[in-house]
Amino acid sequence: MIDTLLTLAAGDPAQHVYNHVFIKDEHGNWLWSGNQGNLVLSMLIIVVLGWFVASKVQTGPASQGTDRYITKNRFAHMVEVICVYLREEVARPLLGARTEKLIPFLWTIFFFILVNNLLGLVPMLDLVHLVSPSLKAAHATPIGGTATQNIWVTGVLAVISALFFNLVAIRHLGIGGYLKHMTAGAPFPASILIFFLELASQIVIKPFALAMRLFANMTAGHILLATLFGFAATLVTKPIYIGGPVTVISVVGGFGIMLLELFVAFMQAFVFMFLTTVFIALMDHHDHEHDHEHSHEHGDDHEHAHAHGHEHAAKA
């Protein structure tokens, strides 16, 4: 048992984070991996906890009086607070009247990324390898690792987000309005250059930024955490006067990094959701500017009429 623990601690820290294959076909194609296990587990967690939270948040029968509006569980209350904050303080200032239609997708992408970020902090891969030395020797596991550290996973999430904010823009502006927006109102021929730059931004640059930001943050933090805990092995591999202090420092430092990683797990889920919301809002900012100018014109007309009325009253 001690040998296994030492082997886990002394190994390449990246191996505790990267995806591990579990089943391959005869051509070497991956049919199942640890990240796939995490993705399925995260789906089950979201469905079960979503059902549980909904049952505790929903309004009760009228016979309960005002108590029917009270959330019945602390965990459900916490999730409700998060959802209300994301809807009212993040989405509504940017999306306005469209918030109610778009917030289910934004909630879904936030909680899906959050759950996968948190699962990445659970050492499931290491536990599987402790239980099954044969899987450890084959570098295989049916579950474990960090799915949101996988560039393919973050890439798919970014593509889904890009499809969503582009389709929402087309539905809101129409095809003509969408294409016109890409020119930013610039005169020809500058509009041609701006159009292709905006198109590249919408379908390449923004999704790439979403995917790389999440991938890089989850990779760096988890590898640092694995590295710090790896130094704990010096307690039994080195003399006590060397191994003792190094082990204490690594464990204390690892605990601090773990708390930081919990914060990063929430922060990166929020950032991905927030940027998706911003990208949706950016596609109709010209409409807001037009409404703003129209309100100013209307306000000026009102002030002019008000002053004109005062002038007539003075003459009378």
Foldseek 3Di string as FASTA:
>chain_A
DLVLVLCLLQDQLLLLADKFAADADPVRDGPAIQLNLLLVVLVVVCVVVVVVLCVQQQFDDCVVPPCSRDRDDPVSVVVVVVLCCCQPVQQCVQPPPCSVVPSVVLSVLLSSLLSLLVQQLDSPVSVVCVVPVVCVVVSGDRHYHRNLLDLVSLLVVLQVLLVVLLVLLCVVLPPVRLQVVQQVPDDPPSSVVSNVVSVCCSRPVRSVVRSVVSNVVSSVLSSLLSNLCSLQSLCPVPPNVPNVVSNVVSVVVSVVSSVVSNVVSNVSSVVSSSSSSVSNSVSCVVVVVVVVVVVVVVVVVVVVVVVVVVVVVVVD
